[in-house]
Amino acid sequence: MGQVRHGSATTTHVVRAARQRSQASLAQLSRELGINPKTVAKWRKRATVEDMKTGPTEPRSTVLTEAGEAMIVAFRRHTLLPLDDFLYALQSSIPHLTRSALHRCLQRHGISRLPDVEGDKLLGPVDVQDSHLG
């Protein structure tokens, strides 16, 4: 099975490991590979050949305050409304709330998907012979 790479990846683990092991100078290796010397230096400093995670270590909203997020989480757990109904119910309290900001907030807190409800499902076929009294 092959290595899974993201869409912008231009190298593999094998290529990165070769950069780390190479005895050539930064300038020489960067000319050979056609990359910036800073990139070569970056990969030589790393202890692994894995891509490092980018982005914030603790994601947070740029639109919502912590109090707003807490209100959204509590309201979601209490009402279990679908996303659009939930957004409509909250827009009077949080006027700048958008559907995408709401969805990202719910995803951050692990409550973006509603639980399956068993009450609406038919448990099995009804046997007419067993249900009569005579």
C-alpha atoms as a PDB file:
ATOM      1  CA  MET A   1       0.000   0.000   0.000  1.00  0.00           C
ATOM      2  CA  GLY A   2       1.363   3.446  -0.931  1.00  0.00           C
ATOM      3  CA  GLN A   3       1.872   6.564   1.099  1.00  0.00           C
ATOM      4  CA  VAL A   4      -1.137   8.907   1.308  1.00  0.00           C
ATOM      5  CA  ARG A   5      -0.195  12.460   0.350  1.00  0.00           C
ATOM      6  CA  HIS A   6      -2.203  15.662   0.426  1.00  0.00           C
ATOM      7  CA  GLY A   7      -2.935  17.517  -2.815  1.00  0.00           C
ATOM      8  CA  SER A   8      -0.089  20.034  -2.521  1.00  0.00           C
ATOM      9  CA  ALA A   9       2.625  17.528  -1.546  1.00  0.00           C
ATOM     10  CA  THR A  10       5.573  17.450  -3.937  1.00  0.00           C
ATOM     11  CA  THR A  11       7.764  14.919  -2.148  1.00  0.00           C
ATOM     12  CA  THR A  12       7.532  11.529  -0.501  1.00  0.00           C
ATOM     13  CA  HIS A  13       9.052  10.117   2.688  1.00  0.00           C
ATOM     14  CA  VAL A  14      11.843   8.563   0.615  1.00  0.00           C
ATOM     15  CA  VAL A  15      12.831  11.905  -0.949  1.00  0.00           C
ATOM     16  CA  ARG A  16      12.722  13.673   2.430  1.00  0.00           C
ATOM     17  CA  ALA A  17      14.862  10.973   4.051  1.00  0.00           C
ATOM     18  CA  ALA A  18      17.398  11.323   1.209  1.00  0.00           C
ATOM     19  CA  ARG A  19      17.563  15.093   1.840  1.00  0.00           C
ATOM     20  CA  GLN A  20      18.218  14.478   5.526  1.00  0.00           C
ATOM     21  CA  ARG A  21      20.981  11.905   4.905  1.00  0.00           C
ATOM     22  CA  SER A  22      22.725  13.763   2.086  1.00  0.00           C
ATOM     23  CA  GLN A  23      26.286  14.945   2.808  1.00  0.00           C
ATOM     24  CA  ALA A  24      26.091  17.694   0.162  1.00  0.00           C
ATOM     25  CA  SER A  25      26.059  21.335   1.229  1.00  0.00           C
ATOM     26  CA  LEU A  26      22.747  23.181   1.543  1.00  0.00           C
ATOM     27  CA  ALA A  27      23.483  25.288  -1.536  1.00  0.00           C
ATOM     28  CA  GLN A  28      24.532  22.300  -3.658  1.00  0.00           C
ATOM     29  CA  LEU A  29      21.541  20.159  -2.628  1.00  0.00           C
ATOM     30  CA  SER A  30      19.116  23.038  -3.174  1.00  0.00           C
ATOM     31  CA  ARG A  31      20.493  23.572  -6.716  1.00  0.00           C
ATOM     32  CA  GLU A  32      20.229  19.838  -7.498  1.00  0.00           C
ATOM     33  CA  LEU A  33      16.654  19.610  -6.260  1.00  0.00           C
ATOM     34  CA  GLY A  34      15.583  23.029  -7.497  1.00  0.00           C
ATOM     35  CA  ILE A  35      14.362  24.139  -4.071  1.00  0.00           C
ATOM     36  CA  ASN A  36      15.195  26.890  -1.611  1.00  0.00           C
ATOM     37  CA  PRO A  37      18.193  26.282   0.703  1.00  0.00           C
ATOM     38  CA  LYS A  38      15.922  27.122   3.664  1.00  0.00           C
ATOM     39  CA  THR A  39      13.751  24.129   2.747  1.00  0.00           C
ATOM     40  CA  VAL A  40      16.783  21.831   2.751  1.00  0.00           C
ATOM     41  CA  ALA A  41      17.863  23.218   6.136  1.00  0.00           C
ATOM     42  CA  LYS A  42      14.341  22.766   7.523  1.00  0.00           C
ATOM     43  CA  TRP A  43      14.222  19.076   6.544  1.00  0.00           C
ATOM     44  CA  ARG A  44      17.721  18.418   7.871  1.00  0.00           C
ATOM     45  CA  LYS A  45      16.748  19.776  11.310  1.00  0.00           C
ATOM     46  CA  ARG A  46      13.695  17.535  11.597  1.00  0.00           C
ATOM     47  CA  ALA A  47      13.873  14.209  13.383  1.00  0.00           C
ATOM     48  CA  THR A  48      11.136  12.690  11.204  1.00  0.00           C
ATOM     49  CA  VAL A  49      10.109  12.726   7.548  1.00  0.00           C
ATOM     50  CA  GLU A  50       6.412  13.267   8.338  1.00  0.00           C
ATOM     51  CA  ASP A  51       4.661  16.518   7.432  1.00  0.00           C
ATOM     52  CA  MET A  52       4.070  18.692  10.458  1.00  0.00           C
ATOM     53  CA  LYS A  53       0.521  19.832  11.222  1.00  0.00           C
ATOM     54  CA  THR A  54      -0.176  23.392  10.187  1.00  0.00           C
ATOM     55  CA  GLY A  55      -2.684  25.794  11.652  1.00  0.00           C
ATOM     56  CA  PRO A  56      -3.450  26.730  15.213  1.00  0.00           C
ATOM     57  CA  THR A  57      -2.802  24.223  17.989  1.00  0.00           C
ATOM     58  CA  GLU A  58      -6.091  25.150  19.667  1.00  0.00           C
ATOM     59  CA  PRO A  59      -8.631  26.174  17.008  1.00  0.00           C
ATOM     60  CA  ARG A  60     -11.029  28.917  18.039  1.00  0.00           C
ATOM     61  CA  SER A  61     -13.613  31.079  16.366  1.00  0.00           C
ATOM     62  CA  THR A  62     -12.826  34.508  14.999  1.00  0.00           C
ATOM     63  CA  VAL A  63     -16.557  35.322  15.013  1.00  0.00           C
ATOM     64  CA  LEU A  64     -17.777  33.898  18.333  1.00  0.00           C
ATOM     65  CA  THR A  65     -16.718  34.635  21.877  1.00  0.00           C
ATOM     66  CA  GLU A  66     -16.111  31.832  24.370  1.00  0.00           C
ATOM     67  CA  ALA A  67     -19.430  32.708  26.040  1.00  0.00           C
ATOM     68  CA  GLY A  68     -21.192  32.558  22.660  1.00  0.00           C
ATOM     69  CA  GLU A  69     -19.682  29.148  21.927  1.00  0.00           C
ATOM     70  CA  ALA A  70     -20.693  27.887  25.371  1.00  0.00           C
ATOM     71  CA  MET A  71     -24.265  29.068  24.743  1.00  0.00           C
ATOM     72  CA  ILE A  72     -24.342  27.348  21.358  1.00  0.00           C
ATOM     73  CA  VAL A  73     -23.040  24.060  22.803  1.00  0.00           C
ATOM     74  CA  ALA A  74     -25.529  24.091  25.684  1.00  0.00           C
ATOM     75  CA  PHE A  75     -28.427  24.992  23.380  1.00  0.00           C
ATOM     76  CA  ARG A  76     -27.492  22.238  20.907  1.00  0.00           C
ATOM     77  CA  ARG A  77     -27.314  19.590  23.625  1.00  0.00           C
ATOM     78  CA  HIS A  78     -30.679  20.712  24.974  1.00  0.00           C
ATOM     79  CA  THR A  79     -32.661  21.065  21.734  1.00  0.00           C
ATOM     80  CA  LEU A  80     -31.015  18.683  19.206  1.00  0.00           C
ATOM     81  CA  LEU A  81     -32.340  20.818  16.341  1.00  0.00           C
ATOM     82  CA  PRO A  82     -31.086  20.365  12.759  1.00  0.00           C
ATOM     83  CA  LEU A  83     -28.451  22.909  11.681  1.00  0.00           C
ATOM     84  CA  ASP A  84     -30.693  25.303   9.733  1.00  0.00           C
ATOM     85  CA  ASP A  85     -33.412  25.344  12.420  1.00  0.00           C
ATOM     86  CA  PHE A  86     -30.704  25.782  15.043  1.00  0.00           C
ATOM     87  CA  LEU A  87     -29.218  28.730  13.148  1.00  0.00           C
ATOM     88  CA  TYR A  88     -32.635  30.379  12.797  1.00  0.00           C
ATOM     89  CA  ALA A  89     -33.296  29.969  16.540  1.00  0.00           C
ATOM     90  CA  LEU A  90     -29.943  31.553  17.481  1.00  0.00           C
ATOM     91  CA  GLN A  91     -29.789  34.445  15.012  1.00  0.00           C
ATOM     92  CA  SER A  92     -31.871  36.720  17.233  1.00  0.00           C
ATOM     93  CA  SER A  93     -29.401  36.179  20.119  1.00  0.00           C
ATOM     94  CA  ILE A  94     -26.218  36.219  17.998  1.00  0.00           C
ATOM     95  CA  PRO A  95     -26.978  38.432  14.954  1.00  0.00           C
ATOM     96  CA  HIS A  96     -23.531  38.050  13.323  1.00  0.00           C
ATOM     97  CA  LEU A  97     -23.715  34.228  13.442  1.00  0.00           C
ATOM     98  CA  THR A  98     -23.389  32.551  10.036  1.00  0.00           C
ATOM     99  CA  ARG A  99     -24.230  28.983   9.081  1.00  0.00           C
ATOM    100  CA  SER A 100     -20.579  28.134   8.455  1.00  0.00           C
ATOM    101  CA  ALA A 101     -19.403  29.647  11.762  1.00  0.00           C
ATOM    102  CA  LEU A 102     -22.099  27.688  13.577  1.00  0.00           C
ATOM    103  CA  HIS A 103     -21.149  24.446  11.834  1.00  0.00           C
ATOM    104  CA  ARG A 104     -17.431  24.941  12.589  1.00  0.00           C
ATOM    105  CA  CYS A 105     -18.271  25.602  16.252  1.00  0.00           C
ATOM    106  CA  LEU A 106     -20.327  22.399  16.459  1.00  0.00           C
ATOM    107  CA  GLN A 107     -17.525  20.439  14.766  1.00  0.00           C
ATOM    108  CA  ARG A 108     -14.919  21.785  17.219  1.00  0.00           C
ATOM    109  CA  HIS A 109     -17.041  20.534  20.096  1.00  0.00           C
ATOM    110  CA  GLY A 110     -17.841  17.183  18.444  1.00  0.00           C
ATOM    111  CA  ILE A 111     -21.594  17.744  18.257  1.00  0.00           C
ATOM    112  CA  SER A 112     -22.108  18.585  14.585  1.00  0.00           C
ATOM    113  CA  ARG A 113     -23.995  15.352  13.884  1.00  0.00           C
ATOM    114  CA  LEU A 114     -27.314  14.617  15.527  1.00  0.00           C
ATOM    115  CA  PRO A 115     -27.697  11.212  17.176  1.00  0.00           C
ATOM    116  CA  ASP A 116     -29.813   8.603  15.392  1.00  0.00           C
ATOM    117  CA  VAL A 117     -33.348   8.450  16.771  1.00  0.00           C
ATOM    118  CA  GLU A 118     -34.866   4.980  17.121  1.00  0.00           C
ATOM    119  CA  GLY A 119     -38.422   6.228  17.838  1.00  0.00           C
ATOM    120  CA  ASP A 120     -39.125   7.061  14.178  1.00  0.00           C
ATOM    121  CA  LYS A 121     -37.967   3.702  12.835  1.00  0.00           C
ATOM    122  CA  LEU A 122     -40.102   0.614  12.455  1.00  0.00           C
ATOM    123  CA  LEU A 123     -38.477  -2.123  14.493  1.00  0.00           C
ATOM    124  CA  GLY A 124     -39.708  -5.010  12.341  1.00  0.00           C
ATOM    125  CA  PRO A 125     -42.630  -6.326  10.334  1.00  0.00           C
ATOM    126  CA  VAL A 126     -45.963  -6.699  12.126  1.00  0.00           C
ATOM    127  CA  ASP A 127     -47.331 -10.249  12.086  1.00  0.00           C
ATOM    128  CA  VAL A 128     -51.083 -10.041  11.497  1.00  0.00           C
ATOM    129  CA  GLN A 129     -51.765 -13.646  12.647  1.00  0.00           C
ATOM    130  CA  ASP A 130     -50.227 -13.043  16.080  1.00  0.00           C
ATOM    131  CA  SER A 131     -52.196  -9.865  16.676  1.00  0.00           C
ATOM    132  CA  HIS A 132     -55.759 -11.224  16.426  1.00  0.00           C
ATOM    133  CA  LEU A 133     -57.703 -12.300  19.557  1.00  0.00           C
ATOM    134  CA  GLY A 134     -59.729 -15.227  18.231  1.00  0.00           C
END
